């Protein structure tokens, strides 16, 4: 089960056709980044505010409806979207804590912790003995953030000894989210020690997750691991690059802005750009750092025949915000694919800029 370290990107699916689209080596000095087109701005009027309120209410209603989907991934995404407005949708998060699917329970526990929904803290105790380690790890974060007593020592065992790289990634993520700097020596040990049996790519992704946690706890040296991963030398490393972009955006690593802009414009010798997933991730990462002119990248995939790309475009629009993005997200809430609908509804709630 993947670590839900970012909303609605529960798994990054890289296209097989993008395997030949590799970046130049990190040692080659990138040229001056291309200028992004200017972002349009317009002050909202009364009619705009009324329309925005209506769109927002529609998004809240849609999240409530999709939280009862038969698809557990849609339910998990609905739970995470609900945590954006816990005062309105806490029942969705509560239902997620009792979901039959462990991924949904894990996301729900994370939502309780990250949004500090203390009213649900009393429902976490039974999940401490959940059969799935991801859920138990998420519950530790939830209890800590809700001010409840909890034994954190299992996180060390999960990080250093669990045979699953996915469990280790989740433990590292939660250690970073808890924010206790005393966990830094543990994370450094995890970097030095042998890794569980896994592919080279999974080991690198685990290293990225550990680096993210270390950065959150104040170790800026770990940023170099993320930046180096932006330059894959083999097709198999494209997923690692996509996750590095996602983490850089979450951490708002402004020193990486020039690199991200350069990679968004990169073309190989055949004139092909980076895979769509990475370019959309770059647009979202830049928007999270205040560079909101990447809507043209999301526009390329607004009508894609791949629903996962439409959903990722919706995520980018949510980061970019503004009237134009909200109009597109409003339309995407009627997409035939529920993953796109929930991504659009979450983008509406997440956006800080009203149309």
Foldseek 3Di string as FASTA:
>chain_A
DAAPPDALCSDQDFDPVQLVWFDDAPPDDFDFFDDFDDDDDDDDDPVLVVVLVVLLVVLLVLLVVQCPPPDVSSVLNSLLLCLLPCVRRVVSLLVQCVDPDPSSVLSSLLSCLVSVVLVCLVVLVVQCVPPDLSNVLSNVSNCLSNVHDDDLVVLLCQLAPDQDLNSNLSSLQSLLVSQDLVCLVSLVVSVPDDHHDDDPLSVLLSLLSSLLSNVSNPDPVSLVSLLNLCGDPGSSSLSVNLVSLQSCLVVLVVVCLRVLSSLLCDAPPVRHHRTLSNNLSSLLSVLSNPPLSSLVSLVVCCPPPDLSSVLSSLLSLLSNDDDVSLVSLSVQCPPPDSSSNSSSSSSSSSHPHRD
